[in-house]
Every structure is written in structure tokens, then in C-alpha cells.
Amino acid sequence: MFGGIDDVDVEAVTAAFGTVDVTARGRAAGAACPDCGRFSGRVHDFYQRRLKDLPLGGQSVVIRLTVRRFICCGADCPRRTFAEPFARLTTHTRASPRGSTTFWDVSGSRSPDGPAPA
């Protein structure tokens, strides 16, 4: 149904009151630090992002994505933690073209896992 969702596990899909809610989390064992490139599987914390796209079948679509923050173990790396990347699923643009499955952050804040460095 959604492009870029192959790197997440969909835990639940519910439809109520004109909204389709998708609950998902990353399935990778870890991620590479965006600064030094070292792989880390050590989870520091996690948080939830709420992503939204254009309506599907007359219903709004919201993805509740659990994002993990990993600890970078590189002694010489300036970054201590970094967010799990979902570059194909999320972006920090404010709108998506009709028919696209690119999602944007409802809060409008800059994505910690977007393609541009933080």
C-alpha cells in the first residue's frame, strides 16, 4: 500500500471516524551513524512520530511510527546518539504530490532522520 514501508513492521491498522491509523516500527537490527558511518545496535531511547499523507479512499491516513535513537560507539565521533533513518518513508517537506506515498511530519519540525544532516 505504501512505498518505502518495506523497512518497517506494521503492527496494527485500524479505521475509525474517517481516519486510517497505521502503527509501525523499524525492523532493522540497528543503523549506521550519519557522522562516522559505524553500525550500532545499542538503543538509547525511542520516540513516536506521527506522519500523514493525502486521503486514501476518502479517509485520512496517519502512520504512528516508533523511531529508535541509537548510541554511536565511535570514540572519535562527535555524535553520541542518532535517530533510526526512514528516508524512503519520511521527508521534511510539507506536502506531497497527488498519488504519492511520501509522508510528511505533521508537526512541521525538521526530521532527525531525513536526508539532510541535523
C-alpha atoms as a PDB file:
ATOM      1  CA  MET A   1       0.000   0.000   0.000  1.00  0.00           C
ATOM      2  CA  PHE A   2       2.797   2.479   0.863  1.00  0.00           C
ATOM      3  CA  GLY A   3       6.144   2.874  -0.874  1.00  0.00           C
ATOM      4  CA  GLY A   4       9.127   2.754   1.459  1.00  0.00           C
ATOM      5  CA  ILE A   5       7.309   0.777   4.108  1.00  0.00           C
ATOM      6  CA  ASP A   6       9.354  -2.383   3.476  1.00  0.00           C
ATOM      7  CA  ASP A   7      11.827  -1.356   6.219  1.00  0.00           C
ATOM      8  CA  VAL A   8       9.127  -1.312   8.921  1.00  0.00           C
ATOM      9  CA  ASP A   9       6.928  -3.850  10.673  1.00  0.00           C
ATOM     10  CA  VAL A  10       3.269  -2.862  10.590  1.00  0.00           C
ATOM     11  CA  GLU A  11       1.884  -3.755  13.996  1.00  0.00           C
ATOM     12  CA  ALA A  12      -1.712  -2.629  13.555  1.00  0.00           C
ATOM     13  CA  VAL A  13      -4.073  -0.962  11.105  1.00  0.00           C
ATOM     14  CA  THR A  14      -7.368   0.489  12.308  1.00  0.00           C
ATOM     15  CA  ALA A  15     -10.020   2.555  10.586  1.00  0.00           C
ATOM     16  CA  ALA A  16     -12.430   4.690  12.564  1.00  0.00           C
ATOM     17  CA  PHE A  17     -14.092   8.093  12.275  1.00  0.00           C
ATOM     18  CA  GLY A  18     -12.713   8.772   8.778  1.00  0.00           C
ATOM     19  CA  THR A  19      -9.075   8.019   9.642  1.00  0.00           C
ATOM     20  CA  VAL A  20      -6.865   5.030   8.854  1.00  0.00           C
ATOM     21  CA  ASP A  21      -4.250   4.631  11.619  1.00  0.00           C
ATOM     22  CA  VAL A  22      -1.170   2.534  10.902  1.00  0.00           C
ATOM     23  CA  THR A  23       1.105   1.644  13.833  1.00  0.00           C
ATOM     24  CA  ALA A  24       4.629   0.685  12.735  1.00  0.00           C
ATOM     25  CA  ARG A  25       8.242   0.338  13.921  1.00  0.00           C
ATOM     26  CA  GLY A  26      11.597  -0.259  12.262  1.00  0.00           C
ATOM     27  CA  ARG A  27      12.690  -3.821  11.624  1.00  0.00           C
ATOM     28  CA  ALA A  28      16.455  -3.314  11.173  1.00  0.00           C
ATOM     29  CA  ALA A  29      18.815  -4.610  13.874  1.00  0.00           C
ATOM     30  CA  GLY A  30      20.493  -1.195  14.006  1.00  0.00           C
ATOM     31  CA  ALA A  31      21.731   1.646  11.818  1.00  0.00           C
ATOM     32  CA  ALA A  32      24.890   3.403  10.700  1.00  0.00           C
ATOM     33  CA  CYS A  33      25.850   6.661  12.396  1.00  0.00           C
ATOM     34  CA  PRO A  34      25.312   9.527   9.924  1.00  0.00           C
ATOM     35  CA  ASP A  35      28.605  11.162  11.006  1.00  0.00           C
ATOM     36  CA  CYS A  36      31.162   8.335  11.251  1.00  0.00           C
ATOM     37  CA  GLY A  37      29.327   5.505   9.481  1.00  0.00           C
ATOM     38  CA  ARG A  38      29.811   2.962  12.293  1.00  0.00           C
ATOM     39  CA  PHE A  39      26.962   0.499  12.736  1.00  0.00           C
ATOM     40  CA  SER A  40      25.194   0.498  16.103  1.00  0.00           C
ATOM     41  CA  GLY A  41      22.516  -1.741  17.535  1.00  0.00           C
ATOM     42  CA  ARG A  42      22.613  -0.154  21.002  1.00  0.00           C
ATOM     43  CA  VAL A  43      19.273   1.572  21.616  1.00  0.00           C
ATOM     44  CA  HIS A  44      19.409   4.744  23.707  1.00  0.00           C
ATOM     45  CA  ASP A  45      15.722   5.640  23.612  1.00  0.00           C
ATOM     46  CA  PHE A  46      12.722   5.738  21.314  1.00  0.00           C
ATOM     47  CA  TYR A  47      10.004   8.205  20.431  1.00  0.00           C
ATOM     48  CA  GLN A  48       6.894   8.285  18.285  1.00  0.00           C
ATOM     49  CA  ARG A  49       6.390  10.273  15.089  1.00  0.00           C
ATOM     50  CA  ARG A  50       3.016  10.972  13.574  1.00  0.00           C
ATOM     51  CA  LEU A  51       3.139  11.013   9.780  1.00  0.00           C
ATOM     52  CA  LYS A  52       0.311  11.976   7.484  1.00  0.00           C
ATOM     53  CA  ASP A  53      -0.399  11.706   3.761  1.00  0.00           C
ATOM     54  CA  LEU A  54      -3.185  12.664   1.402  1.00  0.00           C
ATOM     55  CA  PRO A  55      -6.542  10.918   1.954  1.00  0.00           C
ATOM     56  CA  LEU A  56      -6.947   7.343   0.758  1.00  0.00           C
ATOM     57  CA  GLY A  57     -10.441   6.347  -0.279  1.00  0.00           C
ATOM     58  CA  GLY A  58     -11.869   9.457   1.361  1.00  0.00           C
ATOM     59  CA  GLN A  59     -10.162   8.736   4.700  1.00  0.00           C
ATOM     60  CA  SER A  60      -7.128  10.492   6.141  1.00  0.00           C
ATOM     61  CA  VAL A  61      -4.064   8.289   6.663  1.00  0.00           C
ATOM     62  CA  VAL A  62      -1.872   8.594   9.755  1.00  0.00           C
ATOM     63  CA  ILE A  63       1.195   6.462  10.483  1.00  0.00           C
ATOM     64  CA  ARG A  64       2.311   6.276  14.099  1.00  0.00           C
ATOM     65  CA  LEU A  65       5.956   5.359  13.657  1.00  0.00           C
ATOM     66  CA  THR A  66       8.119   4.325  16.626  1.00  0.00           C
ATOM     67  CA  VAL A  67      11.647   5.615  15.962  1.00  0.00           C
ATOM     68  CA  ARG A  68      14.646   4.330  17.911  1.00  0.00           C
ATOM     69  CA  ARG A  69      17.622   6.505  18.874  1.00  0.00           C
ATOM     70  CA  PHE A  70      20.888   4.596  18.723  1.00  0.00           C
ATOM     71  CA  ILE A  71      24.124   5.226  20.629  1.00  0.00           C
ATOM     72  CA  CYS A  72      27.191   5.813  18.473  1.00  0.00           C
ATOM     73  CA  CYS A  73      30.098   3.868  19.972  1.00  0.00           C
ATOM     74  CA  GLY A  74      32.789   5.684  17.993  1.00  0.00           C
ATOM     75  CA  ALA A  75      35.219   7.248  20.483  1.00  0.00           C
ATOM     76  CA  ASP A  76      36.250   9.892  17.943  1.00  0.00           C
ATOM     77  CA  CYS A  77      32.703  10.608  16.695  1.00  0.00           C
ATOM     78  CA  PRO A  78      31.126  13.914  17.821  1.00  0.00           C
ATOM     79  CA  ARG A  79      27.610  12.436  17.642  1.00  0.00           C
ATOM     80  CA  ARG A  80      26.531  10.457  20.708  1.00  0.00           C
ATOM     81  CA  THR A  81      23.031   9.434  19.561  1.00  0.00           C
ATOM     82  CA  PHE A  82      21.211   9.386  16.243  1.00  0.00           C
ATOM     83  CA  ALA A  83      17.720   8.544  15.027  1.00  0.00           C
ATOM     84  CA  GLU A  84      16.806   5.463  13.070  1.00  0.00           C
ATOM     85  CA  PRO A  85      16.643   6.508   9.389  1.00  0.00           C
ATOM     86  CA  PHE A  86      13.433   6.142   7.385  1.00  0.00           C
ATOM     87  CA  ALA A  87      14.499   8.185   4.336  1.00  0.00           C
ATOM     88  CA  ARG A  88      12.110   6.424   1.922  1.00  0.00           C
ATOM     89  CA  LEU A  89       9.103   6.705   4.230  1.00  0.00           C
ATOM     90  CA  THR A  90       9.549  10.178   5.695  1.00  0.00           C
ATOM     91  CA  THR A  91      10.686  13.547   4.481  1.00  0.00           C
ATOM     92  CA  HIS A  92      10.611  17.025   5.948  1.00  0.00           C
ATOM     93  CA  THR A  93       8.696  18.582   3.073  1.00  0.00           C
ATOM     94  CA  ARG A  94       5.275  19.933   3.932  1.00  0.00           C
ATOM     95  CA  ALA A  95       3.230  18.450   1.108  1.00  0.00           C
ATOM     96  CA  SER A  96       3.212  15.501  -1.235  1.00  0.00           C
ATOM     97  CA  PRO A  97       2.034  15.432  -4.844  1.00  0.00           C
ATOM     98  CA  ARG A  98      -1.300  13.747  -5.508  1.00  0.00           C
ATOM     99  CA  GLY A  99      -0.890   9.987  -5.709  1.00  0.00           C
ATOM    100  CA  SER A 100       2.499   9.975  -3.985  1.00  0.00           C
ATOM    101  CA  THR A 101       3.172   7.901  -0.906  1.00  0.00           C
ATOM    102  CA  THR A 102       5.707  10.333   0.523  1.00  0.00           C
ATOM    103  CA  PHE A 103       4.759  11.297   4.057  1.00  0.00           C
ATOM    104  CA  TRP A 104       5.488  14.479   5.958  1.00  0.00           C
ATOM    105  CA  ASP A 105       5.822  15.187   9.627  1.00  0.00           C
ATOM    106  CA  VAL A 106       2.559  16.640  10.962  1.00  0.00           C
ATOM    107  CA  SER A 107       4.389  18.834  13.470  1.00  0.00           C
ATOM    108  CA  GLY A 108       6.283  20.552  10.639  1.00  0.00           C
ATOM    109  CA  SER A 109       9.528  20.136  12.573  1.00  0.00           C
ATOM    110  CA  ARG A 110      12.732  19.105  10.884  1.00  0.00           C
ATOM    111  CA  SER A 111      13.079  15.336  10.762  1.00  0.00           C
ATOM    112  CA  PRO A 112      16.098  13.905  12.676  1.00  0.00           C
ATOM    113  CA  ASP A 113      16.211  11.016  10.190  1.00  0.00           C
ATOM    114  CA  GLY A 114      15.655  12.964   6.960  1.00  0.00           C
ATOM    115  CA  PRO A 115      18.169  13.166   4.138  1.00  0.00           C
ATOM    116  CA  ALA A 116      19.704  16.490   5.274  1.00  0.00           C
ATOM    117  CA  PRO A 117      22.174  16.387   8.190  1.00  0.00           C
ATOM    118  CA  ALA A 118      20.880  17.703  11.518  1.00  0.00           C
END
